């Protein structure tokens, strides 16, 4: 195995469980199916919980202020 593949394997092994599904979806998009046919179909739920803005619990105050029209303290 070449060094790039080895590095990829090591990085994947270190991923937190919450990041596995989104990364798997990206890899599947880029990889042909094993039978050489169409790309892997993605399940409907992939990416459903990804807001792209980090932990919503940690940002709850910011979100509430924005919804209520108040400035950050």
PDB file of N, CA and C in Angstrom:
ATOM      1  N   UNK A   1       0.847  -1.170   0.000  1.00  0.00           N
ATOM      2  CA  UNK A   1       0.000   0.000   0.000  1.00  0.00           C
ATOM      3  C   UNK A   1       0.899   1.242   0.000  1.00  0.00           C
ATOM      4  N   UNK A   2       0.518   2.273  -0.779  1.00  0.00           N
ATOM      5  CA  UNK A   2       1.380   3.449  -0.815  1.00  0.00           C
ATOM      6  C   UNK A   2       1.129   4.353   0.395  1.00  0.00           C
ATOM      7  N   UNK A   3       1.996   5.324   0.595  1.00  0.00           N
ATOM      8  CA  UNK A   3       1.946   6.145   1.809  1.00  0.00           C
ATOM      9  C   UNK A   3       0.679   6.999   1.900  1.00  0.00           C
ATOM     10  N   UNK A   4       0.131   7.446   0.764  1.00  0.00           N
ATOM     11  CA  UNK A   4      -1.104   8.228   0.820  1.00  0.00           C
ATOM     12  C   UNK A   4      -2.271   7.389   1.325  1.00  0.00           C
ATOM     13  N   UNK A   5      -2.372   6.163   0.848  1.00  0.00           N
ATOM     14  CA  UNK A   5      -3.436   5.260   1.324  1.00  0.00           C
ATOM     15  C   UNK A   5      -3.250   4.936   2.799  1.00  0.00           C
ATOM     16  N   UNK A   6      -2.010   4.723   3.202  1.00  0.00           N
ATOM     17  CA  UNK A   6      -1.736   4.435   4.610  1.00  0.00           C
ATOM     18  C   UNK A   6      -2.159   5.610   5.487  1.00  0.00           C
ATOM     19  N   UNK A   7      -1.835   6.831   5.060  1.00  0.00           N
ATOM     20  CA  UNK A   7      -2.224   8.015   5.815  1.00  0.00           C
ATOM     21  C   UNK A   7      -3.753   8.134   5.886  1.00  0.00           C
ATOM     22  N   UNK A   8      -4.427   7.885   4.759  1.00  0.00           N
ATOM     23  CA  UNK A   8      -5.881   7.941   4.736  1.00  0.00           C
ATOM     24  C   UNK A   8      -6.482   6.940   5.718  1.00  0.00           C
ATOM     25  N   UNK A   9      -5.966   5.726   5.727  1.00  0.00           N
ATOM     26  CA  UNK A   9      -6.445   4.705   6.663  1.00  0.00           C
ATOM     27  C   UNK A   9      -6.242   5.158   8.105  1.00  0.00           C
ATOM     28  N   UNK A  10      -5.089   5.710   8.410  1.00  0.00           N
ATOM     29  CA  UNK A  10      -4.804   6.169   9.775  1.00  0.00           C
ATOM     30  C   UNK A  10      -5.749   7.294  10.184  1.00  0.00           C
ATOM     31  N   UNK A  11      -5.991   8.238   9.279  1.00  0.00           N
ATOM     32  CA  UNK A  11      -6.885   9.354   9.588  1.00  0.00           C
ATOM     33  C   UNK A  11      -8.319   8.876   9.799  1.00  0.00           C
ATOM     34  N   UNK A  12      -8.763   7.959   8.976  1.00  0.00           N
ATOM     35  CA  UNK A  12     -10.117   7.417   9.123  1.00  0.00           C
ATOM     36  C   UNK A  12     -10.260   6.704  10.459  1.00  0.00           C
ATOM     37  N   UNK A  13      -9.258   5.959  10.852  1.00  0.00           N
ATOM     38  CA  UNK A  13      -9.310   5.253  12.128  1.00  0.00           C
ATOM     39  C   UNK A  13      -9.385   6.215  13.315  1.00  0.00           C
ATOM     40  N   UNK A  14      -8.887   7.438  13.158  1.00  0.00           N
ATOM     41  CA  UNK A  14      -8.900   8.412  14.252  1.00  0.00           C
ATOM     42  C   UNK A  14     -10.149   9.282  14.263  1.00  0.00           C
ATOM     43  N   UNK A  15     -11.006   9.161  13.255  1.00  0.00           N
ATOM     44  CA  UNK A  15     -12.214   9.980  13.197  1.00  0.00           C
ATOM     45  C   UNK A  15     -13.151   9.702  14.362  1.00  0.00           C
ATOM     46  N   UNK A  16     -13.767  10.749  14.920  1.00  0.00           N
ATOM     47  CA  UNK A  16     -14.814  10.500  15.909  1.00  0.00           C
ATOM     48  C   UNK A  16     -16.022   9.871  15.216  1.00  0.00           C
ATOM     49  N   UNK A  17     -16.762   9.069  15.934  1.00  0.00           N
ATOM     50  CA  UNK A  17     -17.885   8.329  15.357  1.00  0.00           C
ATOM     51  C   UNK A  17     -18.880   9.256  14.671  1.00  0.00           C
ATOM     52  N   UNK A  18     -19.060  10.460  15.182  1.00  0.00           N
ATOM     53  CA  UNK A  18     -20.028  11.397  14.605  1.00  0.00           C
ATOM     54  C   UNK A  18     -19.637  11.872  13.211  1.00  0.00           C
ATOM     55  N   UNK A  19     -18.376  11.725  12.829  1.00  0.00           N
ATOM     56  CA  UNK A  19     -17.913  12.174  11.532  1.00  0.00           C
ATOM     57  C   UNK A  19     -17.844  11.067  10.490  1.00  0.00           C
ATOM     58  N   UNK A  20     -18.084   9.833  10.897  1.00  0.00           N
ATOM     59  CA  UNK A  20     -17.938   8.710   9.975  1.00  0.00           C
ATOM     60  C   UNK A  20     -18.944   8.778   8.825  1.00  0.00           C
ATOM     61  N   UNK A  21     -20.231   8.977   9.130  1.00  0.00           N
ATOM     62  CA  UNK A  21     -21.257   8.973   8.075  1.00  0.00           C
ATOM     63  C   UNK A  21     -21.031  10.057   7.019  1.00  0.00           C
ATOM     64  N   UNK A  22     -20.745  11.323   7.411  1.00  0.00           N
ATOM     65  CA  UNK A  22     -20.512  12.326   6.366  1.00  0.00           C
ATOM     66  C   UNK A  22     -19.286  12.035   5.497  1.00  0.00           C
ATOM     67  N   UNK A  23     -18.221  11.539   6.114  1.00  0.00           N
ATOM     68  CA  UNK A  23     -17.009  11.217   5.349  1.00  0.00           C
ATOM     69  C   UNK A  23     -17.273  10.017   4.443  1.00  0.00           C
ATOM     70  N   UNK A  24     -17.986   9.021   4.946  1.00  0.00           N
ATOM     71  CA  UNK A  24     -18.338   7.864   4.136  1.00  0.00           C
ATOM     72  C   UNK A  24     -19.151   8.282   2.920  1.00  0.00           C
ATOM     73  N   UNK A  25     -20.070   9.222   3.102  1.00  0.00           N
ATOM     74  CA  UNK A  25     -20.878   9.707   1.984  1.00  0.00           C
ATOM     75  C   UNK A  25     -19.992  10.359   0.920  1.00  0.00           C
ATOM     76  N   UNK A  26     -19.007  11.152   1.353  1.00  0.00           N
ATOM     77  CA  UNK A  26     -18.100  11.795   0.395  1.00  0.00           C
ATOM     78  C   UNK A  26     -17.281  10.764  -0.376  1.00  0.00           C
ATOM     79  N   UNK A  27     -16.784   9.774   0.339  1.00  0.00           N
ATOM     80  CA  UNK A  27     -15.970   8.744  -0.317  1.00  0.00           C
ATOM     81  C   UNK A  27     -16.827   7.940  -1.291  1.00  0.00           C
ATOM     82  N   UNK A  28     -18.039   7.607  -0.886  1.00  0.00           N
ATOM     83  CA  UNK A  28     -18.926   6.853  -1.776  1.00  0.00           C
ATOM     84  C   UNK A  28     -19.244   7.645  -3.034  1.00  0.00           C
ATOM     85  N   UNK A  29     -19.416   8.965  -2.896  1.00  0.00           N
ATOM     86  CA  UNK A  29     -19.677   9.818  -4.067  1.00  0.00           C
ATOM     87  C   UNK A  29     -18.546   9.741  -5.073  1.00  0.00           C
ATOM     88  N   UNK A  30     -17.337   9.599  -4.586  1.00  0.00           N
ATOM     89  CA  UNK A  30     -16.149   9.631  -5.430  1.00  0.00           C
ATOM     90  C   UNK A  30     -15.709   8.265  -5.925  1.00  0.00           C
ATOM     91  N   UNK A  31     -16.357   7.211  -5.464  1.00  0.00           N
ATOM     92  CA  UNK A  31     -15.913   5.859  -5.760  1.00  0.00           C
ATOM     93  C   UNK A  31     -16.961   5.118  -6.578  1.00  0.00           C
ATOM     94  N   UNK A  32     -16.560   4.489  -7.684  1.00  0.00           N
ATOM     95  CA  UNK A  32     -17.534   3.678  -8.426  1.00  0.00           C
ATOM     96  C   UNK A  32     -17.939   2.458  -7.609  1.00  0.00           C
ATOM     97  N   UNK A  33     -19.136   1.971  -7.855  1.00  0.00           N
ATOM     98  CA  UNK A  33     -19.606   0.768  -7.175  1.00  0.00           C
ATOM     99  C   UNK A  33     -18.705  -0.405  -7.525  1.00  0.00           C
ATOM    100  N   UNK A  34     -18.702  -1.421  -6.694  1.00  0.00           N
ATOM    101  CA  UNK A  34     -17.815  -2.570  -6.898  1.00  0.00           C
ATOM    102  C   UNK A  34     -18.061  -3.269  -8.222  1.00  0.00           C
ATOM    103  N   UNK A  35     -19.316  -3.251  -8.700  1.00  0.00           N
ATOM    104  CA  UNK A  35     -19.620  -3.933  -9.961  1.00  0.00           C
ATOM    105  C   UNK A  35     -19.294  -3.083 -11.180  1.00  0.00           C
ATOM    106  N   UNK A  36     -18.716  -1.891 -10.948  1.00  0.00           N
ATOM    107  CA  UNK A  36     -18.351  -1.013 -12.054  1.00  0.00           C
ATOM    108  C   UNK A  36     -19.522  -0.219 -12.602  1.00  0.00           C
ATOM    109  N   UNK A  37     -20.682  -0.393 -12.012  1.00  0.00           N
ATOM    110  CA  UNK A  37     -21.878   0.319 -12.452  1.00  0.00           C
ATOM    111  C   UNK A  37     -21.938   1.731 -11.890  1.00  0.00           C
ATOM    112  N   UNK A  38     -23.131   2.154 -11.586  1.00  0.00           N
ATOM    113  CA  UNK A  38     -23.338   3.507 -11.086  1.00  0.00           C
ATOM    114  C   UNK A  38     -22.726   3.665  -9.699  1.00  0.00           C
ATOM    115  N   UNK A  39     -22.606   4.932  -9.278  1.00  0.00           N
ATOM    116  CA  UNK A  39     -22.086   5.216  -7.941  1.00  0.00           C
ATOM    117  C   UNK A  39     -23.020   4.662  -6.880  1.00  0.00           C
ATOM    118  N   UNK A  40     -22.492   4.501  -5.688  1.00  0.00           N
ATOM    119  CA  UNK A  40     -23.274   4.018  -4.561  1.00  0.00           C
ATOM    120  C   UNK A  40     -24.444   4.968  -4.310  1.00  0.00           C
ATOM    121  N   UNK A  41     -25.625   4.453  -4.062  1.00  0.00           N
ATOM    122  CA  UNK A  41     -26.734   5.334  -3.681  1.00  0.00           C
ATOM    123  C   UNK A  41     -26.576   5.754  -2.226  1.00  0.00           C
ATOM    124  N   UNK A  42     -26.855   7.011  -1.944  1.00  0.00           N
ATOM    125  CA  UNK A  42     -26.769   7.496  -0.569  1.00  0.00           C
ATOM    126  C   UNK A  42     -28.125   7.363   0.105  1.00  0.00           C
ATOM    127  N   UNK A  43     -28.152   6.910   1.347  1.00  0.00           N
ATOM    128  CA  UNK A  43     -29.416   6.857   2.069  1.00  0.00           C
ATOM    129  C   UNK A  43     -29.970   8.272   2.261  1.00  0.00           C
ATOM    130  N   UNK A  44     -31.284   8.390   2.358  1.00  0.00           N
ATOM    131  CA  UNK A  44     -31.926   9.697   2.486  1.00  0.00           C
ATOM    132  C   UNK A  44     -31.475  10.470   3.720  1.00  0.00           C
ATOM    133  N   UNK A  45     -31.093   9.765   4.795  1.00  0.00           N
ATOM    134  CA  UNK A  45     -30.765  10.449   6.041  1.00  0.00           C
ATOM    135  C   UNK A  45     -29.353  11.034   6.073  1.00  0.00           C
ATOM    136  N   UNK A  46     -28.494  10.722   5.109  1.00  0.00           N
ATOM    137  CA  UNK A  46     -27.116  11.203   5.127  1.00  0.00           C
ATOM    138  C   UNK A  46     -27.102  12.730   5.064  1.00  0.00           C
ATOM    139  N   UNK A  47     -26.452  13.334   6.040  1.00  0.00           N
ATOM    140  CA  UNK A  47     -26.337  14.778   6.102  1.00  0.00           C
ATOM    141  C   UNK A  47     -27.533  15.485   6.706  1.00  0.00           C
ATOM    142  N   UNK A  48     -28.527  14.741   7.166  1.00  0.00           N
ATOM    143  CA  UNK A  48     -29.748  15.362   7.690  1.00  0.00           C
ATOM    144  C   UNK A  48     -29.486  16.221   8.923  1.00  0.00           C
ATOM    145  N   UNK A  49     -28.503  15.875   9.715  1.00  0.00           N
ATOM    146  CA  UNK A  49     -28.246  16.614  10.947  1.00  0.00           C
ATOM    147  C   UNK A  49     -27.055  17.554  10.849  1.00  0.00           C
ATOM    148  N   UNK A  50     -26.519  17.744   9.677  1.00  0.00           N
ATOM    149  CA  UNK A  50     -25.349  18.606   9.512  1.00  0.00           C
ATOM    150  C   UNK A  50     -25.775  20.026   9.172  1.00  0.00           C
ATOM    151  N   UNK A  51     -25.616  20.933  10.117  1.00  0.00           N
ATOM    152  CA  UNK A  51     -25.967  22.324   9.859  1.00  0.00           C
ATOM    153  C   UNK A  51     -24.789  23.078   9.254  1.00  0.00           C
ATOM    154  N   UNK A  52     -23.574  22.529   9.446  1.00  0.00           N
ATOM    155  CA  UNK A  52     -22.384  23.201   8.954  1.00  0.00           C
ATOM    156  C   UNK A  52     -21.902  24.302   9.872  1.00  0.00           C
ATOM    157  N   UNK A  53     -22.555  24.480  11.033  1.00  0.00           N
ATOM    158  CA  UNK A  53     -22.189  25.564  11.941  1.00  0.00           C
ATOM    159  C   UNK A  53     -21.801  25.063  13.322  1.00  0.00           C
ATOM    160  N   UNK A  54     -21.383  23.837  13.434  1.00  0.00           N
ATOM    161  CA  UNK A  54     -20.902  23.330  14.704  1.00  0.00           C
ATOM    162  C   UNK A  54     -22.007  22.918  15.655  1.00  0.00           C
ATOM    163  N   UNK A  55     -21.620  22.741  16.903  1.00  0.00           N
ATOM    164  CA  UNK A  55     -22.507  22.242  17.942  1.00  0.00           C
ATOM    165  C   UNK A  55     -23.605  23.253  18.252  1.00  0.00           C
ATOM    166  N   UNK A  56     -24.857  22.870  17.987  1.00  0.00           N
ATOM    167  CA  UNK A  56     -25.980  23.775  18.231  1.00  0.00           C
ATOM    168  C   UNK A  56     -26.173  24.045  19.717  1.00  0.00           C
ATOM    169  N   UNK A  57     -25.867  23.067  20.581  1.00  0.00           N
ATOM    170  CA  UNK A  57     -25.982  23.276  22.020  1.00  0.00           C
ATOM    171  C   UNK A  57     -25.040  24.372  22.487  1.00  0.00           C
ATOM    172  N   UNK A  58     -23.826  24.383  21.972  1.00  0.00           N
ATOM    173  CA  UNK A  58     -22.851  25.400  22.354  1.00  0.00           C
ATOM    174  C   UNK A  58     -23.237  26.769  21.809  1.00  0.00           C
ATOM    175  N   UNK A  59     -24.011  26.799  20.732  1.00  0.00           N
ATOM    176  CA  UNK A  59     -24.406  28.057  20.099  1.00  0.00           C
ATOM    177  C   UNK A  59     -25.822  28.481  20.471  1.00  0.00           C
ATOM    178  N   UNK A  60     -26.456  27.815  21.444  1.00  0.00           N
ATOM    179  CA  UNK A  60     -27.861  28.079  21.732  1.00  0.00           C
ATOM    180  C   UNK A  60     -28.121  29.542  22.098  1.00  0.00           C
ATOM    181  N   UNK A  61     -27.247  30.147  22.902  1.00  0.00           N
ATOM    182  CA  UNK A  61     -27.428  31.557  23.261  1.00  0.00           C
ATOM    183  C   UNK A  61     -27.381  32.458  22.042  1.00  0.00           C
ATOM    184  N   UNK A  62     -26.415  32.211  21.167  1.00  0.00           N
ATOM    185  CA  UNK A  62     -26.282  32.995  19.933  1.00  0.00           C
ATOM    186  C   UNK A  62     -27.537  32.842  19.063  1.00  0.00           C
ATOM    187  N   UNK A  63     -28.024  31.624  18.937  1.00  0.00           N
ATOM    188  CA  UNK A  63     -29.202  31.364  18.111  1.00  0.00           C
ATOM    189  C   UNK A  63     -30.426  32.062  18.688  1.00  0.00           C
ATOM    190  N   UNK A  64     -30.616  31.959  20.020  1.00  0.00           N
ATOM    191  CA  UNK A  64     -31.767  32.613  20.653  1.00  0.00           C
ATOM    192  C   UNK A  64     -31.700  34.128  20.509  1.00  0.00           C
ATOM    193  N   UNK A  65     -30.533  34.708  20.712  1.00  0.00           N
ATOM    194  CA  UNK A  65     -30.388  36.162  20.543  1.00  0.00           C
ATOM    195  C   UNK A  65     -30.733  36.579  19.123  1.00  0.00           C
ATOM    196  N   UNK A  66     -30.248  35.819  18.154  1.00  0.00           N
ATOM    197  CA  UNK A  66     -30.520  36.158  16.757  1.00  0.00           C
ATOM    198  C   UNK A  66     -32.016  36.078  16.461  1.00  0.00           C
ATOM    199  N   UNK A  67     -32.688  35.069  17.011  1.00  0.00           N
ATOM    200  CA  UNK A  67     -34.117  34.921  16.780  1.00  0.00           C
ATOM    201  C   UNK A  67     -34.930  36.020  17.473  1.00  0.00           C
ATOM    202  N   UNK A  68     -34.416  36.518  18.603  1.00  0.00           N
ATOM    203  CA  UNK A  68     -35.144  37.543  19.355  1.00  0.00           C
ATOM    204  C   UNK A  68     -34.692  38.953  18.982  1.00  0.00           C
ATOM    205  N   UNK A  69     -33.703  39.051  18.087  1.00  0.00           N
ATOM    206  CA  UNK A  69     -33.237  40.355  17.619  1.00  0.00           C
ATOM    207  C   UNK A  69     -32.376  41.117  18.594  1.00  0.00           C
ATOM    208  N   UNK A  70     -31.721  40.419  19.516  1.00  0.00           N
ATOM    209  CA  UNK A  70     -30.865  41.068  20.503  1.00  0.00           C
ATOM    210  C   UNK A  70     -29.396  40.917  20.113  1.00  0.00           C
ATOM    211  N   UNK A  71     -28.604  41.862  20.545  1.00  0.00           N
ATOM    212  CA  UNK A  71     -27.155  41.811  20.301  1.00  0.00           C
ATOM    213  C   UNK A  71     -26.489  40.891  21.326  1.00  0.00           C
ATOM    214  N   UNK A  72     -25.345  40.343  20.981  1.00  0.00           N
ATOM    215  CA  UNK A  72     -24.577  39.517  21.894  1.00  0.00           C
ATOM    216  C   UNK A  72     -24.064  40.357  23.045  1.00  0.00           C
ATOM    217  N   UNK A  73     -24.005  39.766  24.232  1.00  0.00           N
ATOM    218  CA  UNK A  73     -23.553  40.506  25.428  1.00  0.00           C
ATOM    219  C   UNK A  73     -22.067  40.443  25.576  1.00  0.00           C
TER     220      UNK A  73
END
